[in-house]
C-alpha atoms as a PDB file:
ATOM      1  CA  MET A   1      -0.184  -0.299  -0.082  1.00  0.00           C
ATOM      2  CA  LYS A   2       1.251   3.418  -1.028  1.00  0.00           C
ATOM      3  CA  GLU A   3       2.081   5.894   1.972  1.00  0.00           C
ATOM      4  CA  ALA A   4      -0.452   8.325   0.725  1.00  0.00           C
ATOM      5  CA  ALA A   5      -3.251   5.586   0.888  1.00  0.00           C
ATOM      6  CA  LYS A   6      -2.205   4.618   4.521  1.00  0.00           C
ATOM      7  CA  TYR A   7      -2.233   8.112   5.619  1.00  0.00           C
ATOM      8  CA  TYR A   8      -5.819   8.736   4.187  1.00  0.00           C
ATOM      9  CA  ALA A   9      -7.176   5.351   5.538  1.00  0.00           C
ATOM     10  CA  THR A  10      -6.291   6.591   8.940  1.00  0.00           C
ATOM     11  CA  HIS A  11      -7.339  10.326   8.684  1.00  0.00           C
ATOM     12  CA  PRO A  12     -10.631  10.384   6.739  1.00  0.00           C
ATOM     13  CA  GLU A  13     -10.831  14.127   7.627  1.00  0.00           C
ATOM     14  CA  ALA A  14      -7.577  14.957   5.408  1.00  0.00           C
ATOM     15  CA  LYS A  15      -9.028  12.800   2.632  1.00  0.00           C
ATOM     16  CA  LYS A  16     -12.274  14.776   2.616  1.00  0.00           C
ATOM     17  CA  LYS A  17     -10.362  17.970   2.647  1.00  0.00           C
ATOM     18  CA  LYS A  18      -7.978  16.744   0.007  1.00  0.00           C
ATOM     19  CA  ALA A  19     -11.021  15.719  -2.239  1.00  0.00           C
ATOM     20  CA  GLU A  20     -12.612  19.128  -1.804  1.00  0.00           C
ATOM     21  CA  TYR A  21      -9.331  20.753  -2.870  1.00  0.00           C
ATOM     22  CA  ASP A  22      -8.846  18.788  -5.998  1.00  0.00           C
ATOM     23  CA  LYS A  23     -12.607  19.298  -6.997  1.00  0.00           C
ATOM     24  CA  GLU A  24     -12.255  22.992  -6.511  1.00  0.00           C
ATOM     25  CA  TYR A  25      -8.761  23.537  -7.728  1.00  0.00           C
ATOM     26  CA  GLY A  26      -7.835  20.797  -9.851  1.00  0.00           C
ATOM     27  CA  LYS A  27     -10.525  21.650 -12.712  1.00  0.00           C
ATOM     28  CA  LYS A  28      -8.825  25.420 -13.051  1.00  0.00           C
ATOM     29  CA  THR A  29      -5.769  24.195 -13.489  1.00  0.00           C
ATOM     30  CA  ILE A  30      -6.335  21.594 -16.060  1.00  0.00           C
ATOM     31  CA  LYS A  31      -8.549  24.373 -17.692  1.00  0.00           C
ATOM     32  CA  ASP A  32      -5.907  26.734 -17.388  1.00  0.00           C
ATOM     33  CA  ARG A  33      -3.146  24.051 -18.821  1.00  0.00           C
ATOM     34  CA  VAL A  34      -5.395  22.989 -21.806  1.00  0.00           C
ATOM     35  CA  ALA A  35      -5.804  26.618 -22.667  1.00  0.00           C
ATOM     36  CA  ARG A  36      -1.846  27.323 -22.534  1.00  0.00           C
ATOM     37  CA  ASN A  37      -1.502  24.168 -24.814  1.00  0.00           C
ATOM     38  CA  ALA A  38      -3.979  25.498 -27.350  1.00  0.00           C
ATOM     39  CA  ALA A  39      -2.193  28.933 -27.384  1.00  0.00           C
ATOM     40  CA  ARG A  40       0.929  27.420 -28.127  1.00  0.00           C
ATOM     41  CA  ARG A  41      -0.398  25.170 -30.943  1.00  0.00           C
ATOM     42  CA  ALA A  42      -2.058  28.543 -32.347  1.00  0.00           C
ATOM     43  CA  MET A  43       1.500  30.240 -32.265  1.00  0.00           C
ATOM     44  CA  VAL A  44       3.113  27.152 -33.970  1.00  0.00           C
ATOM     45  CA  LYS A  45       0.406  27.053 -36.570  1.00  0.00           C
ATOM     46  CA  ALA A  46       0.852  30.953 -37.295  1.00  0.00           C
ATOM     47  CA  GLY A  47       4.680  30.513 -37.726  1.00  0.00           C
ATOM     48  CA  ARG A  48       5.466  32.558 -34.639  1.00  0.00           C
ATOM     49  CA  ALA A  49       7.076  29.731 -32.653  1.00  0.00           C
ATOM     50  CA  LYS A  50       8.646  26.638 -33.405  1.00  0.00           C
ATOM     51  CA  LYS A  51       8.306  23.004 -31.653  1.00  0.00           C
ATOM     52  CA  GLY A  52      11.165  22.849 -29.250  1.00  0.00           C
ATOM     53  CA  ASP A  53      12.608  26.458 -29.506  1.00  0.00           C
ATOM     54  CA  GLY A  54      13.003  26.918 -25.844  1.00  0.00           C
ATOM     55  CA  LYS A  55      10.618  30.064 -25.611  1.00  0.00           C
ATOM     56  CA  ASP A  56       7.136  30.310 -23.768  1.00  0.00           C
ATOM     57  CA  VAL A  57       3.949  31.689 -25.300  1.00  0.00           C
ATOM     58  CA  ASP A  58       2.947  34.875 -23.130  1.00  0.00           C
ATOM     59  CA  HIS A  59      -0.269  35.997 -22.166  1.00  0.00           C
ATOM     60  CA  LYS A  60      -0.083  39.674 -21.880  1.00  0.00           C
ATOM     61  CA  ASN A  61      -3.236  40.083 -19.750  1.00  0.00           C
ATOM     62  CA  GLY A  62      -1.863  37.113 -17.528  1.00  0.00           C
ATOM     63  CA  ASN A  63      -5.185  35.259 -18.294  1.00  0.00           C
ATOM     64  CA  PRO A  64      -4.119  31.922 -19.749  1.00  0.00           C
ATOM     65  CA  THR A  65      -7.819  31.375 -21.198  1.00  0.00           C
ATOM     66  CA  ASP A  66      -7.677  34.516 -22.939  1.00  0.00           C
ATOM     67  CA  ASN A  67      -6.046  33.044 -26.596  1.00  0.00           C
ATOM     68  CA  ARG A  68      -6.784  36.041 -28.748  1.00  0.00           C
ATOM     69  CA  LYS A  69      -3.954  36.839 -31.073  1.00  0.00           C
ATOM     70  CA  SER A  70      -3.327  40.226 -29.758  1.00  0.00           C
ATOM     71  CA  ASN A  71      -2.780  38.889 -26.302  1.00  0.00           C
ATOM     72  CA  LEU A  72      -0.314  36.453 -27.390  1.00  0.00           C
ATOM     73  CA  SER A  73       3.475  36.771 -27.748  1.00  0.00           C
ATOM     74  CA  VAL A  74       6.552  34.620 -27.773  1.00  0.00           C
ATOM     75  CA  VAL A  75       9.138  35.413 -25.118  1.00  0.00           C
ATOM     76  CA  SER A  76      12.008  33.714 -23.725  1.00  0.00           C
ATOM     77  CA  ARG A  77      11.291  31.586 -20.610  1.00  0.00           C
ATOM     78  CA  SER A  78      13.395  33.378 -18.059  1.00  0.00           C
ATOM     79  CA  LYS A  79      11.467  36.673 -19.288  1.00  0.00           C
ATOM     80  CA  ASN A  80       8.003  35.014 -19.015  1.00  0.00           C
ATOM     81  CA  ARG A  81       8.363  33.507 -15.919  1.00  0.00           C
ATOM     82  CA  ALA A  82      10.071  36.347 -14.071  1.00  0.00           C
ATOM     83  CA  LYS A  83       6.563  38.345 -15.193  1.00  0.00           C
ATOM     84  CA  LYS A  84       4.092  38.850 -12.395  1.00  0.00           C
END
């Protein structure tokens, strides 16, 4: 038995709390990741990015689900991840 399974078997309140967290937060992160991947595919298709180029697609307004062409740009990974 995995350690996490052992822990949740003996701590049902923790299991319930984790399930609530996953239900609320998990869907948002999955939705955001899907949107980021779609933005990357759109930039590759438009010829503004290449697969394996080491760059990130930046959402200028910070909203990963806003994939309008005017909101997207290709920047270096360090520049994009330093942005707050």
